[in-house]
Amino acid sequence: MPFNPSPLLGRIAFVTGSSRGIGRAIAIELGHWGADVVVHAQKNLDLAEATAAEIRRMGRRAMAVLADVRLKAELEAAADRVKAEMGPVDLLVNNAGTRQDGPFILMGDEKWEEVMNVNLRGTVYATKAFVRGMMARKWGRIVNIVSPTGIIGMAGQTNYGASKGAIIALTKSLAREMAPFGVLVNAVNPGFIHTELTADVSPEAKRDLLANTILKREGEPEEVASVVAFLCSDWASYMSGQIVNVDGGLCP
């Protein structure tokens, strides 16, 4: 395929949980690749607007929206607003997530349900809000952000691992359903990435985790974002149902 300096030019992207961390890096990277981007946040519109402003400075269109990913109606309303103000969404990145760690035997229902509702239910609701439009246009990209915990497991993260493992299964099955409609569905599996979400990990736990990687270091959000942008482009047109590890060599 000939080189295209703006491979996502004319595409509209919606990135859940993109006001900070990996999601923010993904939103900005998609802007660099030429996409117009909807920056989503659960609560903090100012943070989302700051990310959107950075994308606008590239000459791309961007808007900030609030929606609780646990609530189907709020995501559907956000989808309607985006379509009216920017156009139909071509690229969906399901990045929004949360952790509520603890031993399984001591974990209350509240922690379990919160992680499942945000991570799994949020991914399902966001996908349902946008995938019909992609099917109708016979083109689309969905990229789900998963975790090594959903592949190799992690003590103290049974709820998080269960939610991410379910998203991996969702990715593989949905890819088969969407293939006839030209919609490709993949997942990116970041390892230990330097973000706010990992700031509370103890130095000992961090040392043990990094010892099991090939590269022996933390990753940066931008290293994940570039892989997501690639999967959203036509350069990845023969990839679907794949789980792409960006984890420094942690997962087999």
C-alpha atoms as a PDB file:
ATOM      1  CA  MET A   1       0.000   0.000   0.000  1.00  0.00           C
ATOM      2  CA  PRO A   2       1.432   3.426  -0.921  1.00  0.00           C
ATOM      3  CA  PHE A   3       2.575   5.604   1.955  1.00  0.00           C
ATOM      4  CA  ASN A   4      -0.108   7.990   3.182  1.00  0.00           C
ATOM      5  CA  PRO A   5       0.975  10.627   5.715  1.00  0.00           C
ATOM      6  CA  SER A   6      -2.621  10.917   6.977  1.00  0.00           C
ATOM      7  CA  PRO A   7      -4.055   7.387   6.746  1.00  0.00           C
ATOM      8  CA  LEU A   8      -7.130   8.212   8.845  1.00  0.00           C
ATOM      9  CA  LEU A   9      -8.028  11.459   7.092  1.00  0.00           C
ATOM     10  CA  GLY A  10     -11.804  11.840   6.882  1.00  0.00           C
ATOM     11  CA  ARG A  11     -12.465   9.256   9.590  1.00  0.00           C
ATOM     12  CA  ILE A  12     -14.265  10.070  12.831  1.00  0.00           C
ATOM     13  CA  ALA A  13     -13.128   8.345  16.016  1.00  0.00           C
ATOM     14  CA  PHE A  14     -14.778   7.932  19.412  1.00  0.00           C
ATOM     15  CA  VAL A  15     -12.392   6.964  22.231  1.00  0.00           C
ATOM     16  CA  THR A  16     -13.938   6.092  25.572  1.00  0.00           C
ATOM     17  CA  GLY A  17     -12.065   7.215  28.660  1.00  0.00           C
ATOM     18  CA  SER A  18      -9.797   9.500  26.653  1.00  0.00           C
ATOM     19  CA  SER A  19      -9.363  12.504  28.924  1.00  0.00           C
ATOM     20  CA  ARG A  20      -6.188  11.050  30.450  1.00  0.00           C
ATOM     21  CA  GLY A  21      -3.747   8.134  30.420  1.00  0.00           C
ATOM     22  CA  ILE A  22      -3.693   5.638  27.574  1.00  0.00           C
ATOM     23  CA  GLY A  23      -7.007   6.896  26.221  1.00  0.00           C
ATOM     24  CA  ARG A  24      -5.698  10.448  25.937  1.00  0.00           C
ATOM     25  CA  ALA A  25      -2.597   9.234  24.102  1.00  0.00           C
ATOM     26  CA  ILE A  26      -4.806   7.228  21.719  1.00  0.00           C
ATOM     27  CA  ALA A  27      -7.062  10.213  20.980  1.00  0.00           C
ATOM     28  CA  ILE A  28      -4.067  12.432  20.229  1.00  0.00           C
ATOM     29  CA  GLU A  29      -2.374   9.783  18.088  1.00  0.00           C
ATOM     30  CA  LEU A  30      -5.527   9.282  16.020  1.00  0.00           C
ATOM     31  CA  GLY A  31      -5.524  13.043  15.462  1.00  0.00           C
ATOM     32  CA  HIS A  32      -1.909  12.847  14.277  1.00  0.00           C
ATOM     33  CA  TRP A  33      -2.978  10.157  11.819  1.00  0.00           C
ATOM     34  CA  GLY A  34      -5.634  12.493  10.408  1.00  0.00           C
ATOM     35  CA  ALA A  35      -8.810  11.471  12.231  1.00  0.00           C
ATOM     36  CA  ASP A  36     -11.361  13.798  13.773  1.00  0.00           C
ATOM     37  CA  VAL A  37     -11.790  12.688  17.381  1.00  0.00           C
ATOM     38  CA  VAL A  38     -14.498  12.598  20.029  1.00  0.00           C
ATOM     39  CA  VAL A  39     -12.869  12.731  23.457  1.00  0.00           C
ATOM     40  CA  HIS A  40     -14.995  10.991  26.081  1.00  0.00           C
ATOM     41  CA  ALA A  41     -14.904  11.295  29.857  1.00  0.00           C
ATOM     42  CA  GLN A  42     -17.063   9.881  32.600  1.00  0.00           C
ATOM     43  CA  LYS A  43     -17.108  12.994  34.802  1.00  0.00           C
ATOM     44  CA  ASN A  44     -14.427  15.589  34.055  1.00  0.00           C
ATOM     45  CA  LEU A  45     -15.421  17.622  31.004  1.00  0.00           C
ATOM     46  CA  ASP A  46     -12.549  20.073  31.510  1.00  0.00           C
ATOM     47  CA  LEU A  47      -9.950  17.315  31.121  1.00  0.00           C
ATOM     48  CA  ALA A  48     -11.715  15.990  28.019  1.00  0.00           C
ATOM     49  CA  GLU A  49     -11.899  19.485  26.553  1.00  0.00           C
ATOM     50  CA  ALA A  50      -8.168  19.997  27.135  1.00  0.00           C
ATOM     51  CA  THR A  51      -7.426  16.862  25.100  1.00  0.00           C
ATOM     52  CA  ALA A  52      -9.873  17.952  22.401  1.00  0.00           C
ATOM     53  CA  ALA A  53      -8.180  21.365  22.250  1.00  0.00           C
ATOM     54  CA  GLU A  54      -4.813  19.721  21.653  1.00  0.00           C
ATOM     55  CA  ILE A  55      -6.274  17.757  18.749  1.00  0.00           C
ATOM     56  CA  ARG A  56      -7.802  20.912  17.273  1.00  0.00           C
ATOM     57  CA  ARG A  57      -4.372  22.525  17.301  1.00  0.00           C
ATOM     58  CA  MET A  58      -3.336  19.858  14.786  1.00  0.00           C
ATOM     59  CA  GLY A  59      -6.015  21.143  12.422  1.00  0.00           C
ATOM     60  CA  ARG A  60      -8.397  18.309  13.133  1.00  0.00           C
ATOM     61  CA  ARG A  61     -11.976  18.529  14.413  1.00  0.00           C
ATOM     62  CA  ALA A  62     -12.525  17.404  18.006  1.00  0.00           C
ATOM     63  CA  MET A  63     -15.284  17.533  20.585  1.00  0.00           C
ATOM     64  CA  ALA A  64     -15.538  16.552  24.245  1.00  0.00           C
ATOM     65  CA  VAL A  65     -18.470  14.574  25.614  1.00  0.00           C
ATOM     66  CA  LEU A  66     -19.541  13.211  28.979  1.00  0.00           C
ATOM     67  CA  ALA A  67     -21.316   9.868  29.352  1.00  0.00           C
ATOM     68  CA  ASP A  68     -21.489   7.175  31.996  1.00  0.00           C
ATOM     69  CA  VAL A  69     -20.434   4.021  30.145  1.00  0.00           C
ATOM     70  CA  ARG A  70     -22.451   1.953  32.617  1.00  0.00           C
ATOM     71  CA  LEU A  71     -25.650   3.508  31.269  1.00  0.00           C
ATOM     72  CA  LYS A  72     -26.797   2.509  27.794  1.00  0.00           C
ATOM     73  CA  ALA A  73     -29.036   5.578  27.391  1.00  0.00           C
ATOM     74  CA  GLU A  74     -26.174   7.984  28.037  1.00  0.00           C
ATOM     75  CA  LEU A  75     -23.953   6.362  25.417  1.00  0.00           C
ATOM     76  CA  GLU A  76     -26.791   6.319  22.907  1.00  0.00           C
ATOM     77  CA  ALA A  77     -27.414  10.019  23.556  1.00  0.00           C
ATOM     78  CA  ALA A  78     -23.713  10.732  23.083  1.00  0.00           C
ATOM     79  CA  ALA A  79     -23.753   8.792  19.810  1.00  0.00           C
ATOM     80  CA  ASP A  80     -26.720  10.816  18.553  1.00  0.00           C
ATOM     81  CA  ARG A  81     -25.014  14.082  19.472  1.00  0.00           C
ATOM     82  CA  VAL A  82     -21.771  13.112  17.745  1.00  0.00           C
ATOM     83  CA  LYS A  83     -23.602  12.097  14.581  1.00  0.00           C
ATOM     84  CA  ALA A  84     -25.480  15.415  14.503  1.00  0.00           C
ATOM     85  CA  GLU A  85     -22.450  17.607  15.215  1.00  0.00           C
ATOM     86  CA  MET A  86     -19.564  15.740  13.571  1.00  0.00           C
ATOM     87  CA  GLY A  87     -20.941  12.870  11.513  1.00  0.00           C
ATOM     88  CA  PRO A  88     -21.060   9.072  11.764  1.00  0.00           C
ATOM     89  CA  VAL A  89     -18.345   7.360  13.780  1.00  0.00           C
ATOM     90  CA  ASP A  90     -15.976   5.098  11.817  1.00  0.00           C
ATOM     91  CA  LEU A  91     -13.523   4.187  14.574  1.00  0.00           C
ATOM     92  CA  LEU A  92     -14.417   3.096  18.100  1.00  0.00           C
ATOM     93  CA  VAL A  93     -11.780   2.532  20.759  1.00  0.00           C
ATOM     94  CA  ASN A  94     -13.167   0.981  23.945  1.00  0.00           C
ATOM     95  CA  ASN A  95     -10.587   2.152  26.448  1.00  0.00           C
ATOM     96  CA  ALA A  96     -12.592   3.212  29.537  1.00  0.00           C
ATOM     97  CA  GLY A  97     -11.820   1.014  32.507  1.00  0.00           C
ATOM     98  CA  THR A  98     -11.417   0.818  36.249  1.00  0.00           C
ATOM     99  CA  ARG A  99      -9.709  -1.347  38.870  1.00  0.00           C
ATOM    100  CA  GLN A 100     -10.952  -2.373  42.313  1.00  0.00           C
ATOM    101  CA  ASP A 101      -8.272  -4.800  43.462  1.00  0.00           C
ATOM    102  CA  GLY A 102      -8.372  -7.171  46.414  1.00  0.00           C
ATOM    103  CA  PRO A 103      -8.330 -10.849  47.389  1.00  0.00           C
ATOM    104  CA  PHE A 104     -11.180 -12.771  45.789  1.00  0.00           C
ATOM    105  CA  ILE A 105     -12.350 -14.329  49.031  1.00  0.00           C
ATOM    106  CA  LEU A 106     -12.699 -10.891  50.656  1.00  0.00           C
ATOM    107  CA  MET A 107     -14.070  -9.041  47.641  1.00  0.00           C
ATOM    108  CA  GLY A 108     -17.578  -7.702  48.133  1.00  0.00           C
ATOM    109  CA  ASP A 109     -20.214  -7.635  45.429  1.00  0.00           C
ATOM    110  CA  GLU A 110     -19.865  -3.869  45.047  1.00  0.00           C
ATOM    111  CA  LYS A 111     -16.240  -4.045  43.894  1.00  0.00           C
ATOM    112  CA  TRP A 112     -16.984  -6.940  41.572  1.00  0.00           C
ATOM    113  CA  GLU A 113     -19.995  -5.278  39.966  1.00  0.00           C
ATOM    114  CA  GLU A 114     -18.314  -1.889  39.571  1.00  0.00           C
ATOM    115  CA  VAL A 115     -15.436  -3.362  37.580  1.00  0.00           C
ATOM    116  CA  MET A 116     -17.739  -5.520  35.467  1.00  0.00           C
ATOM    117  CA  ASN A 117     -20.117  -2.636  34.801  1.00  0.00           C
ATOM    118  CA  VAL A 118     -17.455  -0.164  33.697  1.00  0.00           C
ATOM    119  CA  ASN A 119     -15.123  -2.505  31.844  1.00  0.00           C
ATOM    120  CA  LEU A 120     -17.395  -5.105  30.260  1.00  0.00           C
ATOM    121  CA  ARG A 121     -20.824  -3.484  30.224  1.00  0.00           C
ATOM    122  CA  GLY A 122     -19.285  -0.184  29.086  1.00  0.00           C
ATOM    123  CA  THR A 123     -17.567  -1.900  26.166  1.00  0.00           C
ATOM    124  CA  VAL A 124     -20.802  -3.637  25.156  1.00  0.00           C
ATOM    125  CA  TYR A 125     -22.921  -0.488  25.387  1.00  0.00           C
ATOM    126  CA  ALA A 126     -20.447   1.680  23.477  1.00  0.00           C
ATOM    127  CA  THR A 127     -20.143  -0.940  20.757  1.00  0.00           C
ATOM    128  CA  LYS A 128     -23.908  -1.238  20.403  1.00  0.00           C
ATOM    129  CA  ALA A 129     -24.210   2.547  20.186  1.00  0.00           C
ATOM    130  CA  PHE A 130     -21.934   2.780  17.133  1.00  0.00           C
ATOM    131  CA  VAL A 131     -21.641  -0.566  15.375  1.00  0.00           C
ATOM    132  CA  ARG A 132     -24.961  -0.442  13.520  1.00  0.00           C
ATOM    133  CA  GLY A 133     -23.837   2.660  11.664  1.00  0.00           C
ATOM    134  CA  MET A 134     -20.575   0.969  10.702  1.00  0.00           C
ATOM    135  CA  MET A 135     -22.478  -2.057   9.430  1.00  0.00           C
ATOM    136  CA  ALA A 136     -24.759   0.125   7.326  1.00  0.00           C
ATOM    137  CA  ARG A 137     -21.760   1.883   5.733  1.00  0.00           C
ATOM    138  CA  LYS A 138     -19.886  -1.421   5.272  1.00  0.00           C
ATOM    139  CA  TRP A 139     -16.755  -0.080   6.968  1.00  0.00           C
ATOM    140  CA  GLY A 140     -15.582   0.294  10.527  1.00  0.00           C
ATOM    141  CA  ARG A 141     -12.910  -0.402  13.084  1.00  0.00           C
ATOM    142  CA  ILE A 142     -13.401  -1.395  16.726  1.00  0.00           C
ATOM    143  CA  VAL A 143     -10.371  -1.691  19.008  1.00  0.00           C
ATOM    144  CA  ASN A 144     -10.844  -2.930  22.567  1.00  0.00           C
ATOM    145  CA  ILE A 145      -8.214  -2.300  25.238  1.00  0.00           C
ATOM    146  CA  VAL A 146      -7.643  -5.417  27.326  1.00  0.00           C
ATOM    147  CA  SER A 147      -5.008  -6.516  29.866  1.00  0.00           C
ATOM    148  CA  PRO A 148      -2.490  -9.273  30.577  1.00  0.00           C
ATOM    149  CA  THR A 149      -4.621 -10.022  33.647  1.00  0.00           C
ATOM    150  CA  GLY A 150      -7.282 -11.321  31.271  1.00  0.00           C
ATOM    151  CA  ILE A 151      -4.762 -13.670  29.624  1.00  0.00           C
ATOM    152  CA  ILE A 152      -2.286 -14.872  32.247  1.00  0.00           C
ATOM    153  CA  GLY A 153      -4.104 -13.787  35.418  1.00  0.00           C
ATOM    154  CA  MET A 154      -2.937 -11.678  38.338  1.00  0.00           C
ATOM    155  CA  ALA A 155      -3.427 -12.306  42.060  1.00  0.00           C
ATOM    156  CA  GLY A 156      -5.718  -9.697  43.580  1.00  0.00           C
ATOM    157  CA  GLN A 157      -7.354  -8.848  40.254  1.00  0.00           C
ATOM    158  CA  THR A 158      -9.930 -11.580  39.747  1.00  0.00           C
ATOM    159  CA  ASN A 159     -12.659  -9.062  38.938  1.00  0.00           C
ATOM    160  CA  TYR A 160     -10.457  -7.040  36.587  1.00  0.00           C
ATOM    161  CA  GLY A 161      -9.113 -10.187  34.908  1.00  0.00           C
ATOM    162  CA  ALA A 162     -12.606 -11.616  34.477  1.00  0.00           C
ATOM    163  CA  SER A 163     -13.821  -8.401  32.846  1.00  0.00           C
ATOM    164  CA  LYS A 164     -10.866  -8.197  30.472  1.00  0.00           C
ATOM    165  CA  GLY A 165     -10.996 -11.908  29.662  1.00  0.00           C
ATOM    166  CA  ALA A 166     -14.646 -11.463  28.728  1.00  0.00           C
ATOM    167  CA  ILE A 167     -13.720  -8.565  26.430  1.00  0.00           C
ATOM    168  CA  ILE A 168     -11.138 -10.766  24.727  1.00  0.00           C
ATOM    169  CA  ALA A 169     -13.832 -13.383  24.050  1.00  0.00           C
ATOM    170  CA  LEU A 170     -16.199 -10.624  22.907  1.00  0.00           C
ATOM    171  CA  THR A 171     -13.541  -9.352  20.501  1.00  0.00           C
ATOM    172  CA  LYS A 172     -12.995 -12.723  18.889  1.00  0.00           C
ATOM    173  CA  SER A 173     -16.682 -13.560  18.517  1.00  0.00           C
ATOM    174  CA  LEU A 174     -17.753 -10.100  17.376  1.00  0.00           C
ATOM    175  CA  ALA A 175     -15.011 -10.110  14.736  1.00  0.00           C
ATOM    176  CA  ARG A 176     -16.665 -13.151  13.153  1.00  0.00           C
ATOM    177  CA  GLU A 177     -20.107 -11.537  13.222  1.00  0.00           C
ATOM    178  CA  MET A 178     -18.909  -8.233  11.788  1.00  0.00           C
ATOM    179  CA  ALA A 179     -16.649  -9.538   9.007  1.00  0.00           C
ATOM    180  CA  PRO A 180     -19.436  -9.713   6.392  1.00  0.00           C
ATOM    181  CA  PHE A 181     -20.141  -6.020   7.022  1.00  0.00           C
ATOM    182  CA  GLY A 182     -16.579  -4.789   6.586  1.00  0.00           C
ATOM    183  CA  VAL A 183     -16.156  -4.027  10.299  1.00  0.00           C
ATOM    184  CA  LEU A 184     -12.875  -5.237  11.792  1.00  0.00           C
ATOM    185  CA  VAL A 185     -12.674  -5.933  15.527  1.00  0.00           C
ATOM    186  CA  ASN A 186      -9.359  -6.287  17.334  1.00  0.00           C
ATOM    187  CA  ALA A 187      -7.923  -5.769  20.801  1.00  0.00           C
ATOM    188  CA  VAL A 188      -4.720  -4.251  22.110  1.00  0.00           C
ATOM    189  CA  ASN A 189      -3.215  -5.717  25.257  1.00  0.00           C
ATOM    190  CA  PRO A 190      -1.037  -3.149  27.071  1.00  0.00           C
ATOM    191  CA  GLY A 191       1.303  -4.398  29.742  1.00  0.00           C
ATOM    192  CA  PHE A 192       2.533  -2.277  32.637  1.00  0.00           C
ATOM    193  CA  ILE A 193       2.075   1.239  31.250  1.00  0.00           C
ATOM    194  CA  HIS A 194       3.082   4.390  33.104  1.00  0.00           C
ATOM    195  CA  THR A 195      -0.299   6.031  33.804  1.00  0.00           C
ATOM    196  CA  GLU A 196      -2.452   7.215  36.712  1.00  0.00           C
ATOM    197  CA  LEU A 197      -4.098   3.781  36.806  1.00  0.00           C
ATOM    198  CA  THR A 198      -0.803   2.122  37.796  1.00  0.00           C
ATOM    199  CA  ALA A 199       0.410   4.879  40.143  1.00  0.00           C
ATOM    200  CA  ASP A 200      -0.800   3.001  43.231  1.00  0.00           C
ATOM    201  CA  VAL A 201       1.124  -0.191  42.450  1.00  0.00           C
ATOM    202  CA  SER A 202       3.761  -0.786  45.108  1.00  0.00           C
ATOM    203  CA  PRO A 203       7.457  -0.671  44.121  1.00  0.00           C
ATOM    204  CA  GLU A 204       7.795  -4.338  45.059  1.00  0.00           C
ATOM    205  CA  ALA A 205       4.874  -5.413  42.892  1.00  0.00           C
ATOM    206  CA  LYS A 206       6.140  -3.265  40.027  1.00  0.00           C
ATOM    207  CA  ARG A 207       9.614  -4.805  40.303  1.00  0.00           C
ATOM    208  CA  ASP A 208       8.207  -8.340  40.262  1.00  0.00           C
ATOM    209  CA  LEU A 209       5.967  -7.612  37.296  1.00  0.00           C
ATOM    210  CA  LEU A 210       8.691  -5.973  35.209  1.00  0.00           C
ATOM    211  CA  ALA A 211      11.058  -8.844  36.008  1.00  0.00           C
ATOM    212  CA  ASN A 212       8.744 -11.095  33.988  1.00  0.00           C
ATOM    213  CA  THR A 213       8.921  -8.928  30.873  1.00  0.00           C
ATOM    214  CA  ILE A 214      11.518  -9.185  28.143  1.00  0.00           C
ATOM    215  CA  LEU A 215      12.223  -5.452  28.021  1.00  0.00           C
ATOM    216  CA  LYS A 216      12.413  -4.969  31.834  1.00  0.00           C
ATOM    217  CA  ARG A 217      10.748  -1.550  31.806  1.00  0.00           C
ATOM    218  CA  GLU A 218       7.411   0.208  31.925  1.00  0.00           C
ATOM    219  CA  GLY A 219       5.727   1.136  28.684  1.00  0.00           C
ATOM    220  CA  GLU A 220       4.534   4.597  27.752  1.00  0.00           C
ATOM    221  CA  PRO A 221       0.964   5.434  26.639  1.00  0.00           C
ATOM    222  CA  GLU A 222       2.236   6.578  23.242  1.00  0.00           C
ATOM    223  CA  GLU A 223       3.664   3.103  22.594  1.00  0.00           C
ATOM    224  CA  VAL A 224       0.156   1.694  22.923  1.00  0.00           C
ATOM    225  CA  ALA A 225      -1.489   4.511  20.974  1.00  0.00           C
ATOM    226  CA  SER A 226       0.539   3.960  17.815  1.00  0.00           C
ATOM    227  CA  VAL A 227      -0.549   0.313  17.639  1.00  0.00           C
ATOM    228  CA  VAL A 228      -4.208   1.292  18.108  1.00  0.00           C
ATOM    229  CA  ALA A 229      -3.920   3.853  15.293  1.00  0.00           C
ATOM    230  CA  PHE A 230      -2.407   1.213  13.020  1.00  0.00           C
ATOM    231  CA  LEU A 231      -5.304  -1.166  13.700  1.00  0.00           C
ATOM    232  CA  CYS A 232      -7.742   1.632  12.826  1.00  0.00           C
ATOM    233  CA  SER A 233      -6.105   2.185   9.443  1.00  0.00           C
ATOM    234  CA  ASP A 234      -6.335   0.405   6.109  1.00  0.00           C
ATOM    235  CA  TRP A 235      -2.810  -0.873   6.733  1.00  0.00           C
ATOM    236  CA  ALA A 236      -4.445  -3.395   9.091  1.00  0.00           C
ATOM    237  CA  SER A 237      -7.125  -4.401   6.578  1.00  0.00           C
ATOM    238  CA  TYR A 238      -6.295  -8.129   6.897  1.00  0.00           C
ATOM    239  CA  MET A 239      -6.469  -8.231  10.684  1.00  0.00           C
ATOM    240  CA  SER A 240      -9.567  -9.071  12.707  1.00  0.00           C
ATOM    241  CA  GLY A 241     -10.221 -11.024  15.872  1.00  0.00           C
ATOM    242  CA  GLN A 242      -6.622 -10.461  16.976  1.00  0.00           C
ATOM    243  CA  ILE A 243      -5.216  -9.646  20.404  1.00  0.00           C
ATOM    244  CA  VAL A 244      -2.080  -7.564  19.870  1.00  0.00           C
ATOM    245  CA  ASN A 245       0.292  -7.566  22.850  1.00  0.00           C
ATOM    246  CA  VAL A 246       2.031  -4.283  23.640  1.00  0.00           C
ATOM    247  CA  ASP A 247       3.432  -5.513  26.917  1.00  0.00           C
ATOM    248  CA  GLY A 248       7.218  -5.582  26.718  1.00  0.00           C
ATOM    249  CA  GLY A 249       7.104  -9.344  26.260  1.00  0.00           C
ATOM    250  CA  LEU A 250       5.046 -10.236  29.321  1.00  0.00           C
ATOM    251  CA  CYS A 251       2.391 -12.455  27.714  1.00  0.00           C
ATOM    252  CA  PRO A 252       3.287 -15.562  25.694  1.00  0.00           C
END
